[in-house]
Structures are given as structure tokens and as C-alpha cells.
């Protein structure tokens, strides 16, 4: 599954849960939302174009090309080392790591860490929806498990991602943003600066 669709899935699942159970199910802080998004991308640190490629996150029209090249070169080195050690979609795609992050976040009362773990687990759930699958039972059983014939980057994943993003936009606009405490604080902070 592509990174943008991992982020959409990680946002859509808590938003759907909040719709069914209540708004208290959502991340309470901006750091927790950030943890959720970063966690949804973290298992692909071993892949091409992963979160390590920091140059890809900079504005293209104002960032000097050498800066992008250097940052992406560093990212490629990091991804290559991680891939050589762990392989692609191997040990880093065990849901165990995400569950451990959730437990650690709960034990140490670090909301952002718990949500990082939730994002991590949702990333792996998303990859289990692709044809190549993931080792959901690792480290006990290293068999890749897949639940659908969806191929990464093909039309079915694009349609799935589009539907997820539409749902996320709808839920954020209707339910979350009007009631967001931290967004209101951010708005008031910006107003006080101006």
C-alpha cells in the first residue's frame, strides 16, 4: 500500500470508531495526531521512498535541489541499511512492535507514543490488504498473510485510497475540526501573534 493510503487508513479508522463510539476515541493532542501519522508510515522505513527520504517532504519550488538530493541520499542509505538488516516487509512488519508501542505509551502516559503504536498496527493492517501480504503472526510464524488481491499502486488501491480520503475529509469537516480543543488553541495562538 502506498504511503498516502496508509495515512488515510490510519486517520479513517479512529474517525470511524469515534463516529460509532464517541469523539473521546480520537487523539486528544496535535502530538498524538502526529504520532498516528508517523506510525502509519514507520514500518516502511525499509522501503524506497520511505519516511527516511526527508527531501521529498520539503516544498519543491523553494527547496534547493542539492538539499533535496543530500537528504534523500541520507534517507536512501538509512533505508538500505535497515532493509539489509531486517528485509522488506519482514520483522518491521510484525504487529508486535505496534502493540508494544501502545503498551509503552499507556504505561508511561505518553499519548503520542500510544498513537504511534496504533498507526504502526494500522499500517500493517493496510499492507495485509495487499496481494503480497505481511507476516501478521511474526515472530512465531513468518508466513505472509493477505486478505485481498489488491496490488500496490494499481486501480483498486487508488479507489480504496480515494474512498478513505473522502471519508476522512467528511469526518474532519463535520465532527472533529469544529470541536477540536487543540485546533482552537492553535488558532488563538496564531491570532495573538498577529
N, C-alpha and C. Protein backbone atom coordinates (compact mmCIF):
# COMPACT_ATOMS: atom_id res chain seq x y z
N UNK A 1 0.85 -1.18 0.00
CA UNK A 1 0.00 0.00 0.00
C UNK A 1 0.90 1.24 0.00
N UNK A 2 0.49 2.24 -0.74
CA UNK A 2 1.26 3.47 -0.83
C UNK A 2 1.12 4.29 0.45
N UNK A 3 2.14 5.13 0.72
CA UNK A 3 2.18 5.92 1.94
C UNK A 3 0.94 6.78 2.16
N UNK A 4 0.48 7.45 1.10
CA UNK A 4 -0.69 8.33 1.25
C UNK A 4 -1.91 7.55 1.69
N UNK A 5 -2.03 6.31 1.24
CA UNK A 5 -3.18 5.49 1.62
C UNK A 5 -3.00 4.90 3.02
N UNK A 6 -1.75 4.68 3.44
CA UNK A 6 -1.51 4.28 4.83
C UNK A 6 -1.97 5.38 5.78
N UNK A 7 -1.65 6.62 5.43
CA UNK A 7 -2.07 7.76 6.26
C UNK A 7 -3.60 7.85 6.28
N UNK A 8 -4.23 7.69 5.12
CA UNK A 8 -5.69 7.76 5.05
C UNK A 8 -6.34 6.69 5.91
N UNK A 9 -5.81 5.47 5.87
CA UNK A 9 -6.35 4.38 6.69
C UNK A 9 -6.16 4.67 8.17
N UNK A 10 -4.98 5.17 8.53
CA UNK A 10 -4.70 5.47 9.94
C UNK A 10 -5.61 6.57 10.46
N UNK A 11 -5.99 7.51 9.63
CA UNK A 11 -6.92 8.57 10.05
C UNK A 11 -8.36 8.08 10.03
N UNK A 12 -8.70 7.26 9.04
CA UNK A 12 -10.09 6.81 8.88
C UNK A 12 -10.56 5.88 9.98
N UNK A 13 -9.70 4.99 10.44
CA UNK A 13 -10.13 4.02 11.45
C UNK A 13 -10.53 4.70 12.77
N UNK A 14 -9.69 5.57 13.35
CA UNK A 14 -10.15 6.25 14.57
C UNK A 14 -11.37 7.16 14.33
N UNK A 15 -11.43 7.79 13.16
CA UNK A 15 -12.59 8.63 12.86
C UNK A 15 -13.87 7.80 12.76
N UNK A 16 -13.77 6.61 12.18
CA UNK A 16 -14.93 5.72 12.11
C UNK A 16 -15.30 5.23 13.50
N UNK A 17 -14.28 4.88 14.30
CA UNK A 17 -14.54 4.45 15.67
C UNK A 17 -15.21 5.54 16.50
N UNK A 18 -14.74 6.78 16.32
CA UNK A 18 -15.34 7.90 17.04
C UNK A 18 -16.78 8.14 16.61
N UNK A 19 -17.06 7.88 15.34
CA UNK A 19 -18.42 8.05 14.83
C UNK A 19 -19.35 7.02 15.49
N UNK A 20 -18.83 5.82 15.73
CA UNK A 20 -19.64 4.76 16.32
C UNK A 20 -19.69 4.83 17.84
N UNK A 21 -18.56 5.19 18.47
CA UNK A 21 -18.46 5.12 19.92
C UNK A 21 -18.53 6.48 20.59
N UNK A 22 -17.88 7.47 20.00
CA UNK A 22 -17.86 8.81 20.59
C UNK A 22 -16.55 9.51 20.30
N UNK A 23 -16.56 10.82 20.36
CA UNK A 23 -15.42 11.64 19.99
C UNK A 23 -14.21 11.40 20.90
N UNK A 24 -14.42 10.89 22.10
CA UNK A 24 -13.32 10.66 23.03
C UNK A 24 -12.34 9.60 22.54
N UNK A 25 -12.69 8.86 21.51
CA UNK A 25 -11.81 7.84 20.98
C UNK A 25 -10.68 8.42 20.15
N UNK A 26 -10.78 9.68 19.75
CA UNK A 26 -9.78 10.30 18.87
C UNK A 26 -8.57 10.79 19.65
N UNK A 27 -7.43 10.95 18.96
CA UNK A 27 -6.26 11.55 19.61
C UNK A 27 -6.64 12.92 20.18
N UNK A 28 -6.14 13.21 21.39
CA UNK A 28 -6.54 14.44 22.08
C UNK A 28 -5.63 15.62 21.81
N UNK A 29 -4.42 15.38 21.29
CA UNK A 29 -3.47 16.46 21.09
C UNK A 29 -2.90 16.42 19.67
N UNK A 30 -2.28 17.52 19.29
CA UNK A 30 -1.61 17.56 17.99
C UNK A 30 -0.48 16.54 17.94
N UNK A 31 0.23 16.36 19.06
CA UNK A 31 1.32 15.38 19.12
C UNK A 31 0.79 13.96 18.90
N UNK A 32 -0.38 13.67 19.45
CA UNK A 32 -0.97 12.34 19.27
C UNK A 32 -1.37 12.12 17.81
N UNK A 33 -1.95 13.16 17.18
CA UNK A 33 -2.28 13.06 15.75
C UNK A 33 -1.00 12.84 14.94
N UNK A 34 0.06 13.57 15.28
CA UNK A 34 1.34 13.40 14.60
C UNK A 34 1.89 12.00 14.79
N UNK A 35 1.78 11.48 16.03
CA UNK A 35 2.23 10.11 16.30
C UNK A 35 1.48 9.09 15.46
N UNK A 36 0.18 9.29 15.32
CA UNK A 36 -0.65 8.40 14.50
C UNK A 36 -0.17 8.41 13.05
N UNK A 37 0.08 9.59 12.51
CA UNK A 37 0.50 9.70 11.10
C UNK A 37 1.91 9.13 10.90
N UNK A 38 2.84 9.48 11.78
CA UNK A 38 4.20 8.95 11.66
C UNK A 38 4.21 7.44 11.83
N UNK A 39 3.42 6.94 12.79
CA UNK A 39 3.33 5.49 12.99
C UNK A 39 2.78 4.77 11.77
N UNK A 40 1.88 5.45 11.04
CA UNK A 40 1.29 4.82 9.85
C UNK A 40 2.30 4.69 8.71
N UNK A 41 3.42 5.41 8.80
CA UNK A 41 4.46 5.35 7.77
C UNK A 41 5.72 4.61 8.24
N UNK A 42 5.88 4.49 9.55
CA UNK A 42 7.13 3.97 10.13
C UNK A 42 7.56 2.58 9.67
N UNK A 43 6.67 1.60 9.54
CA UNK A 43 7.16 0.27 9.14
C UNK A 43 7.84 0.24 7.77
N UNK A 44 7.56 1.23 6.93
CA UNK A 44 8.18 1.25 5.61
C UNK A 44 9.51 2.00 5.59
N UNK A 45 10.15 2.11 6.75
CA UNK A 45 11.47 2.73 6.80
C UNK A 45 12.46 1.93 5.95
N UNK A 46 12.11 0.68 5.65
CA UNK A 46 12.98 -0.19 4.86
C UNK A 46 12.73 -0.10 3.36
N UNK A 47 11.83 0.78 2.93
CA UNK A 47 11.45 0.80 1.53
C UNK A 47 11.93 2.02 0.77
N UNK A 48 11.91 1.91 -0.54
CA UNK A 48 12.24 3.04 -1.41
C UNK A 48 11.19 4.12 -1.22
N UNK A 49 11.61 5.36 -1.12
CA UNK A 49 10.68 6.47 -0.96
C UNK A 49 10.03 6.51 0.41
N UNK A 50 10.67 5.93 1.40
CA UNK A 50 10.08 5.84 2.73
C UNK A 50 10.15 7.17 3.46
N UNK A 51 9.76 7.15 4.73
CA UNK A 51 9.79 8.35 5.55
C UNK A 51 11.21 8.86 5.76
N UNK A 52 12.20 8.05 5.47
CA UNK A 52 13.60 8.48 5.59
C UNK A 52 13.98 9.49 4.52
N UNK A 53 13.26 9.53 3.43
CA UNK A 53 13.57 10.42 2.32
C UNK A 53 13.01 11.81 2.64
N UNK A 54 13.65 12.50 3.57
CA UNK A 54 13.14 13.78 4.06
C UNK A 54 13.06 14.85 2.98
N UNK A 55 13.90 14.74 1.98
CA UNK A 55 13.87 15.72 0.89
C UNK A 55 12.54 15.74 0.16
N UNK A 56 11.83 14.61 0.16
CA UNK A 56 10.54 14.54 -0.52
C UNK A 56 9.44 15.31 0.22
N UNK A 57 9.68 15.64 1.50
CA UNK A 57 8.67 16.32 2.29
C UNK A 57 8.83 17.84 2.25
N UNK A 58 9.89 18.33 1.62
CA UNK A 58 10.14 19.77 1.55
C UNK A 58 9.43 20.37 0.34
N UNK A 59 9.05 21.65 0.42
CA UNK A 59 8.39 22.30 -0.73
C UNK A 59 9.30 22.27 -1.95
N UNK A 60 8.82 21.74 -3.04
CA UNK A 60 9.64 21.52 -4.24
C UNK A 60 10.10 22.80 -4.92
N UNK A 61 9.28 23.83 -4.90
CA UNK A 61 9.59 25.03 -5.67
C UNK A 61 10.57 25.97 -4.97
N UNK A 62 10.72 25.83 -3.65
CA UNK A 62 11.62 26.75 -2.95
C UNK A 62 12.83 26.05 -2.32
N UNK A 63 12.83 24.72 -2.32
CA UNK A 63 13.96 23.99 -1.74
C UNK A 63 15.02 23.78 -2.80
N UNK A 64 16.26 24.17 -2.51
CA UNK A 64 17.34 23.94 -3.49
C UNK A 64 17.51 22.45 -3.77
N UNK A 65 17.67 22.12 -5.03
CA UNK A 65 17.78 20.72 -5.46
C UNK A 65 18.92 19.98 -4.74
N UNK A 66 20.10 20.61 -4.51
CA UNK A 66 21.16 19.89 -3.78
C UNK A 66 20.74 19.48 -2.37
N UNK A 67 19.92 20.30 -1.70
CA UNK A 67 19.44 19.95 -0.36
C UNK A 67 18.57 18.70 -0.42
N UNK A 68 17.65 18.67 -1.38
CA UNK A 68 16.79 17.50 -1.56
C UNK A 68 17.63 16.27 -1.87
N UNK A 69 18.61 16.42 -2.76
CA UNK A 69 19.46 15.30 -3.15
C UNK A 69 20.24 14.76 -1.96
N UNK A 70 20.80 15.65 -1.15
CA UNK A 70 21.58 15.21 0.02
C UNK A 70 20.68 14.51 1.04
N UNK A 71 19.54 15.11 1.35
CA UNK A 71 18.63 14.50 2.32
C UNK A 71 18.11 13.15 1.84
N UNK A 72 17.76 13.07 0.57
CA UNK A 72 17.28 11.79 0.03
C UNK A 72 18.41 10.76 -0.05
N UNK A 73 19.63 11.22 -0.28
CA UNK A 73 20.78 10.30 -0.27
C UNK A 73 20.99 9.71 1.11
N UNK A 74 20.87 10.54 2.13
CA UNK A 74 20.97 10.04 3.52
C UNK A 74 19.83 9.06 3.79
N UNK A 75 18.62 9.42 3.35
CA UNK A 75 17.46 8.54 3.53
C UNK A 75 17.64 7.21 2.83
N UNK A 76 18.20 7.24 1.62
CA UNK A 76 18.42 6.00 0.87
C UNK A 76 19.42 5.12 1.60
N UNK A 77 20.43 5.71 2.18
CA UNK A 77 21.43 4.95 2.94
C UNK A 77 20.78 4.30 4.17
N UNK A 78 20.00 5.09 4.91
CA UNK A 78 19.33 4.56 6.10
C UNK A 78 18.38 3.43 5.72
N UNK A 79 17.55 3.65 4.69
CA UNK A 79 16.62 2.62 4.25
C UNK A 79 17.35 1.36 3.81
N UNK A 80 18.46 1.55 3.09
CA UNK A 80 19.23 0.39 2.63
C UNK A 80 19.80 -0.42 3.77
N UNK A 81 20.33 0.26 4.78
CA UNK A 81 20.88 -0.45 5.95
C UNK A 81 19.77 -1.20 6.67
N UNK A 82 18.64 -0.53 6.90
CA UNK A 82 17.52 -1.18 7.58
C UNK A 82 17.02 -2.38 6.77
N UNK A 83 16.93 -2.21 5.44
CA UNK A 83 16.47 -3.31 4.58
C UNK A 83 17.45 -4.48 4.60
N UNK A 84 18.76 -4.17 4.62
CA UNK A 84 19.75 -5.24 4.68
C UNK A 84 19.67 -6.02 5.99
N UNK A 85 19.36 -5.33 7.07
CA UNK A 85 19.28 -5.99 8.37
C UNK A 85 17.97 -6.75 8.54
N UNK A 86 16.84 -6.09 8.22
CA UNK A 86 15.53 -6.67 8.51
C UNK A 86 14.81 -7.24 7.30
N UNK A 87 15.21 -6.85 6.08
CA UNK A 87 14.47 -7.25 4.88
C UNK A 87 13.25 -6.36 4.71
N UNK A 88 12.62 -6.44 3.52
CA UNK A 88 11.42 -5.64 3.27
C UNK A 88 10.18 -6.45 3.63
N UNK A 89 9.30 -5.83 4.40
CA UNK A 89 8.07 -6.46 4.89
C UNK A 89 8.38 -7.75 5.65
N UNK A 90 9.41 -7.70 6.44
CA UNK A 90 9.74 -8.85 7.31
C UNK A 90 9.54 -8.42 8.76
N UNK A 91 10.60 -8.37 9.56
CA UNK A 91 10.49 -8.13 11.00
C UNK A 91 9.84 -6.79 11.35
N UNK A 92 10.06 -5.77 10.56
CA UNK A 92 9.46 -4.47 10.88
C UNK A 92 7.95 -4.45 10.61
N UNK A 93 7.45 -5.48 9.96
CA UNK A 93 6.01 -5.58 9.69
C UNK A 93 5.33 -6.58 10.61
N UNK A 94 5.92 -6.84 11.76
CA UNK A 94 5.25 -7.63 12.78
C UNK A 94 4.38 -6.68 13.60
N UNK A 95 3.11 -6.99 13.78
CA UNK A 95 2.24 -6.12 14.58
C UNK A 95 2.71 -6.01 16.03
N UNK A 96 3.51 -6.95 16.45
CA UNK A 96 4.03 -6.98 17.82
C UNK A 96 4.66 -5.64 18.21
N UNK A 97 5.42 -5.00 17.30
CA UNK A 97 6.09 -3.74 17.60
C UNK A 97 5.07 -2.64 17.88
N UNK A 98 4.02 -2.60 17.10
CA UNK A 98 2.98 -1.59 17.32
C UNK A 98 2.27 -1.80 18.64
N UNK A 99 1.96 -3.05 18.98
CA UNK A 99 1.30 -3.33 20.25
C UNK A 99 2.21 -2.96 21.42
N UNK A 100 3.52 -3.19 21.27
CA UNK A 100 4.46 -2.81 22.32
C UNK A 100 4.50 -1.29 22.51
N UNK A 101 4.43 -0.54 21.40
CA UNK A 101 4.39 0.92 21.49
C UNK A 101 3.11 1.40 22.19
N UNK A 102 1.99 0.76 21.89
CA UNK A 102 0.73 1.13 22.54
C UNK A 102 0.83 0.88 24.04
N UNK A 103 1.35 -0.30 24.42
CA UNK A 103 1.50 -0.61 25.84
C UNK A 103 2.46 0.34 26.54
N UNK A 104 3.58 0.64 25.90
CA UNK A 104 4.55 1.57 26.49
C UNK A 104 3.93 2.96 26.65
N UNK A 105 3.20 3.41 25.64
CA UNK A 105 2.54 4.71 25.73
C UNK A 105 1.52 4.75 26.86
N UNK A 106 0.79 3.67 27.03
CA UNK A 106 -0.18 3.60 28.13
C UNK A 106 0.50 3.55 29.49
N UNK A 107 1.56 2.76 29.61
CA UNK A 107 2.25 2.62 30.89
C UNK A 107 2.95 3.91 31.32
N UNK A 108 3.52 4.63 30.37
CA UNK A 108 4.24 5.85 30.70
C UNK A 108 3.39 7.11 30.50
N UNK A 109 2.11 6.92 30.21
CA UNK A 109 1.16 8.00 29.98
C UNK A 109 1.66 8.98 28.91
N UNK A 110 2.15 8.41 27.83
CA UNK A 110 2.60 9.18 26.67
C UNK A 110 1.60 8.93 25.54
N UNK A 111 0.64 9.82 25.43
CA UNK A 111 -0.43 9.69 24.45
C UNK A 111 0.12 9.55 23.03
N UNK A 112 1.10 10.36 22.69
CA UNK A 112 1.66 10.35 21.34
C UNK A 112 2.31 9.00 21.03
N UNK A 113 2.94 8.35 22.02
CA UNK A 113 3.59 7.06 21.80
C UNK A 113 2.55 5.97 21.56
N UNK A 114 1.47 6.02 22.34
CA UNK A 114 0.39 5.04 22.14
C UNK A 114 -0.20 5.18 20.74
N UNK A 115 -0.43 6.43 20.31
CA UNK A 115 -0.99 6.64 18.97
C UNK A 115 0.02 6.29 17.88
N UNK A 116 1.31 6.45 18.14
CA UNK A 116 2.34 5.98 17.21
C UNK A 116 2.18 4.47 17.00
N UNK A 117 1.95 3.75 18.09
CA UNK A 117 1.72 2.30 18.00
C UNK A 117 0.45 1.95 17.25
N UNK A 118 -0.61 2.73 17.47
CA UNK A 118 -1.86 2.50 16.73
C UNK A 118 -1.62 2.68 15.24
N UNK A 119 -0.92 3.76 14.87
CA UNK A 119 -0.60 3.99 13.46
C UNK A 119 0.23 2.86 12.88
N UNK A 120 1.18 2.36 13.67
CA UNK A 120 2.05 1.26 13.24
C UNK A 120 1.22 0.02 12.92
N UNK A 121 0.31 -0.32 13.85
CA UNK A 121 -0.55 -1.50 13.65
C UNK A 121 -1.47 -1.30 12.44
N UNK A 122 -2.00 -0.10 12.27
CA UNK A 122 -2.88 0.15 11.13
C UNK A 122 -2.12 0.10 9.81
N UNK A 123 -0.84 0.47 9.81
CA UNK A 123 -0.01 0.32 8.62
C UNK A 123 0.05 -1.15 8.21
N UNK A 124 0.30 -1.99 9.18
CA UNK A 124 0.43 -3.42 8.91
C UNK A 124 -0.91 -4.00 8.47
N UNK A 125 -2.00 -3.53 9.09
CA UNK A 125 -3.33 -3.97 8.65
C UNK A 125 -3.56 -3.57 7.19
N UNK A 126 -3.13 -2.38 6.82
CA UNK A 126 -3.27 -1.94 5.43
C UNK A 126 -2.47 -2.81 4.48
N UNK A 127 -1.24 -3.13 4.86
CA UNK A 127 -0.43 -3.99 3.99
C UNK A 127 -0.98 -5.41 3.90
N UNK A 128 -1.74 -5.83 4.90
CA UNK A 128 -2.36 -7.17 4.83
C UNK A 128 -3.50 -7.18 3.82
N UNK A 129 -3.93 -6.00 3.38
CA UNK A 129 -4.97 -5.92 2.36
C UNK A 129 -4.40 -5.98 0.95
N UNK A 130 -3.07 -6.04 0.83
CA UNK A 130 -2.44 -6.15 -0.49
C UNK A 130 -2.14 -7.61 -0.81
N UNK A 131 -1.97 -7.88 -2.07
CA UNK A 131 -1.75 -9.25 -2.55
C UNK A 131 -0.50 -9.88 -1.93
N UNK A 132 0.56 -9.09 -1.71
CA UNK A 132 1.80 -9.65 -1.17
C UNK A 132 1.71 -9.95 0.31
N UNK A 133 0.81 -9.30 1.04
CA UNK A 133 0.59 -9.61 2.44
C UNK A 133 1.74 -9.23 3.37
N UNK A 134 1.58 -9.60 4.64
CA UNK A 134 2.58 -9.32 5.68
C UNK A 134 2.63 -10.49 6.67
N UNK A 135 3.74 -10.59 7.42
CA UNK A 135 3.84 -11.66 8.43
C UNK A 135 3.07 -11.29 9.70
N UNK A 136 1.75 -11.39 9.66
CA UNK A 136 0.92 -10.98 10.80
C UNK A 136 1.19 -11.78 12.06
N UNK A 137 1.68 -12.98 11.92
CA UNK A 137 1.91 -13.83 13.09
C UNK A 137 3.38 -13.87 13.50
N UNK A 138 4.20 -12.97 12.92
CA UNK A 138 5.60 -12.91 13.29
C UNK A 138 5.76 -12.41 14.70
N UNK A 139 6.76 -12.86 15.39
CA UNK A 139 7.87 -13.72 15.02
C UNK A 139 7.58 -15.22 15.14
N UNK A 140 6.37 -15.59 15.56
CA UNK A 140 6.03 -17.00 15.74
C UNK A 140 6.00 -17.73 14.41
N UNK A 141 5.35 -17.14 13.41
CA UNK A 141 5.20 -17.75 12.10
C UNK A 141 5.50 -16.69 11.03
N UNK A 142 6.48 -16.96 10.19
CA UNK A 142 6.94 -15.97 9.20
C UNK A 142 6.24 -16.13 7.85
N UNK A 143 4.96 -16.45 7.86
CA UNK A 143 4.19 -16.61 6.64
C UNK A 143 3.46 -15.31 6.33
N UNK A 144 3.54 -14.85 5.08
CA UNK A 144 2.83 -13.64 4.69
C UNK A 144 1.35 -13.93 4.54
N UNK A 145 0.54 -13.12 5.18
CA UNK A 145 -0.91 -13.28 5.15
C UNK A 145 -1.52 -12.11 4.40
N UNK A 146 -2.41 -12.42 3.46
CA UNK A 146 -3.08 -11.40 2.66
C UNK A 146 -4.58 -11.66 2.68
N UNK A 147 -5.36 -10.58 2.75
CA UNK A 147 -6.81 -10.72 2.81
C UNK A 147 -7.52 -10.33 1.52
N UNK A 148 -6.81 -9.68 0.60
CA UNK A 148 -7.41 -9.26 -0.67
C UNK A 148 -6.40 -9.40 -1.80
N UNK A 149 -6.88 -9.37 -3.03
CA UNK A 149 -5.96 -9.42 -4.18
C UNK A 149 -5.47 -8.02 -4.62
N UNK A 150 -5.67 -6.99 -3.78
CA UNK A 150 -5.30 -5.63 -4.15
C UNK A 150 -3.78 -5.53 -4.36
N UNK A 151 -3.37 -4.91 -5.45
CA UNK A 151 -1.95 -4.73 -5.78
C UNK A 151 -1.58 -3.27 -5.54
N UNK A 152 -0.45 -3.08 -4.85
CA UNK A 152 0.01 -1.72 -4.53
C UNK A 152 0.20 -0.90 -5.79
N UNK A 153 -0.39 0.30 -5.79
CA UNK A 153 -0.23 1.22 -6.91
C UNK A 153 -1.18 1.00 -8.07
N UNK A 154 -2.02 0.00 -8.02
CA UNK A 154 -2.96 -0.26 -9.11
C UNK A 154 -4.31 0.39 -8.81
N UNK A 155 -5.25 0.25 -9.74
CA UNK A 155 -6.52 0.98 -9.68
C UNK A 155 -7.33 0.66 -8.43
N UNK A 156 -7.32 -0.59 -7.96
CA UNK A 156 -8.13 -0.95 -6.79
C UNK A 156 -7.63 -0.23 -5.54
N UNK A 157 -6.30 -0.16 -5.38
CA UNK A 157 -5.77 0.56 -4.23
C UNK A 157 -6.06 2.05 -4.36
N UNK A 158 -5.96 2.59 -5.57
CA UNK A 158 -6.28 4.01 -5.78
C UNK A 158 -7.72 4.31 -5.41
N UNK A 159 -8.64 3.45 -5.81
CA UNK A 159 -10.06 3.64 -5.49
C UNK A 159 -10.29 3.53 -3.98
N UNK A 160 -9.63 2.56 -3.36
CA UNK A 160 -9.73 2.38 -1.91
C UNK A 160 -9.20 3.62 -1.19
N UNK A 161 -8.05 4.10 -1.61
CA UNK A 161 -7.45 5.29 -1.01
C UNK A 161 -8.32 6.52 -1.20
N UNK A 162 -8.88 6.68 -2.39
CA UNK A 162 -9.76 7.82 -2.66
C UNK A 162 -10.97 7.78 -1.73
N UNK A 163 -11.58 6.61 -1.56
CA UNK A 163 -12.73 6.48 -0.67
C UNK A 163 -12.34 6.80 0.78
N UNK A 164 -11.16 6.34 1.20
CA UNK A 164 -10.69 6.64 2.56
C UNK A 164 -10.51 8.15 2.76
N UNK A 165 -9.87 8.81 1.79
CA UNK A 165 -9.63 10.25 1.91
C UNK A 165 -10.94 11.04 1.91
N UNK A 166 -11.91 10.61 1.12
CA UNK A 166 -13.23 11.27 1.13
C UNK A 166 -13.89 11.13 2.50
N UNK A 167 -13.81 9.93 3.07
CA UNK A 167 -14.37 9.70 4.40
C UNK A 167 -13.66 10.57 5.44
N UNK A 168 -12.33 10.61 5.39
CA UNK A 168 -11.54 11.40 6.34
C UNK A 168 -11.92 12.88 6.24
N UNK A 169 -12.00 13.40 5.03
CA UNK A 169 -12.35 14.81 4.84
C UNK A 169 -13.74 15.10 5.39
N UNK A 170 -14.68 14.22 5.13
CA UNK A 170 -16.04 14.39 5.61
C UNK A 170 -16.09 14.38 7.14
N UNK A 171 -15.44 13.42 7.78
CA UNK A 171 -15.49 13.32 9.24
C UNK A 171 -14.75 14.48 9.90
N UNK A 172 -13.62 14.89 9.33
CA UNK A 172 -12.89 16.02 9.91
C UNK A 172 -13.71 17.30 9.82
N UNK A 173 -14.32 17.54 8.67
CA UNK A 173 -15.08 18.77 8.47
C UNK A 173 -16.34 18.82 9.33
N UNK A 174 -17.00 17.69 9.50
CA UNK A 174 -18.29 17.66 10.19
C UNK A 174 -18.13 17.50 11.70
N UNK A 175 -17.25 16.63 12.12
CA UNK A 175 -17.21 16.23 13.53
C UNK A 175 -16.00 16.75 14.29
N UNK A 176 -14.81 16.62 13.74
CA UNK A 176 -13.61 16.82 14.53
C UNK A 176 -13.19 18.28 14.62
N UNK A 177 -13.00 18.93 13.48
CA UNK A 177 -12.46 20.29 13.49
C UNK A 177 -13.32 21.29 14.27
N UNK A 178 -14.65 21.25 14.14
CA UNK A 178 -15.45 22.21 14.92
C UNK A 178 -15.33 22.02 16.44
N UNK A 179 -14.99 20.83 16.90
CA UNK A 179 -14.92 20.54 18.34
C UNK A 179 -13.50 20.41 18.86
N UNK A 180 -12.52 20.65 18.02
CA UNK A 180 -11.13 20.42 18.39
C UNK A 180 -10.62 21.49 19.37
N UNK A 181 -10.22 21.05 20.56
CA UNK A 181 -9.67 21.96 21.56
C UNK A 181 -8.30 22.46 21.13
N UNK A 182 -7.43 21.52 20.69
CA UNK A 182 -6.06 21.92 20.35
C UNK A 182 -6.03 22.78 19.09
N UNK A 183 -6.96 22.55 18.16
CA UNK A 183 -7.01 23.40 16.97
C UNK A 183 -7.46 24.82 17.34
N UNK A 184 -8.41 24.92 18.28
CA UNK A 184 -8.84 26.22 18.76
C UNK A 184 -7.71 26.96 19.46
N UNK A 185 -6.91 26.21 20.24
CA UNK A 185 -5.75 26.83 20.90
C UNK A 185 -4.74 27.31 19.87
N UNK A 186 -4.53 26.52 18.84
CA UNK A 186 -3.61 26.91 17.79
C UNK A 186 -4.11 28.16 17.07
N UNK A 187 -5.40 28.25 16.84
CA UNK A 187 -6.00 29.41 16.19
C UNK A 187 -5.82 30.66 17.07
N UNK A 188 -6.09 30.51 18.37
CA UNK A 188 -5.94 31.64 19.29
C UNK A 188 -4.48 32.06 19.39
N UNK A 189 -3.55 31.09 19.37
CA UNK A 189 -2.12 31.39 19.42
C UNK A 189 -1.71 32.17 18.18
N UNK A 190 -2.16 31.74 17.02
CA UNK A 190 -1.85 32.45 15.77
C UNK A 190 -2.42 33.86 15.77
N UNK A 191 -3.63 34.02 16.31
CA UNK A 191 -4.25 35.33 16.38
C UNK A 191 -3.51 36.27 17.32
N UNK A 192 -2.97 35.71 18.41
CA UNK A 192 -2.27 36.57 19.36
C UNK A 192 -0.92 37.04 18.80
N UNK A 193 -0.33 36.27 17.88
CA UNK A 193 0.93 36.68 17.26
C UNK A 193 0.69 37.83 16.29
N UNK A 194 -0.41 37.72 15.53
CA UNK A 194 -0.71 38.74 14.53
C UNK A 194 -1.27 39.95 15.22
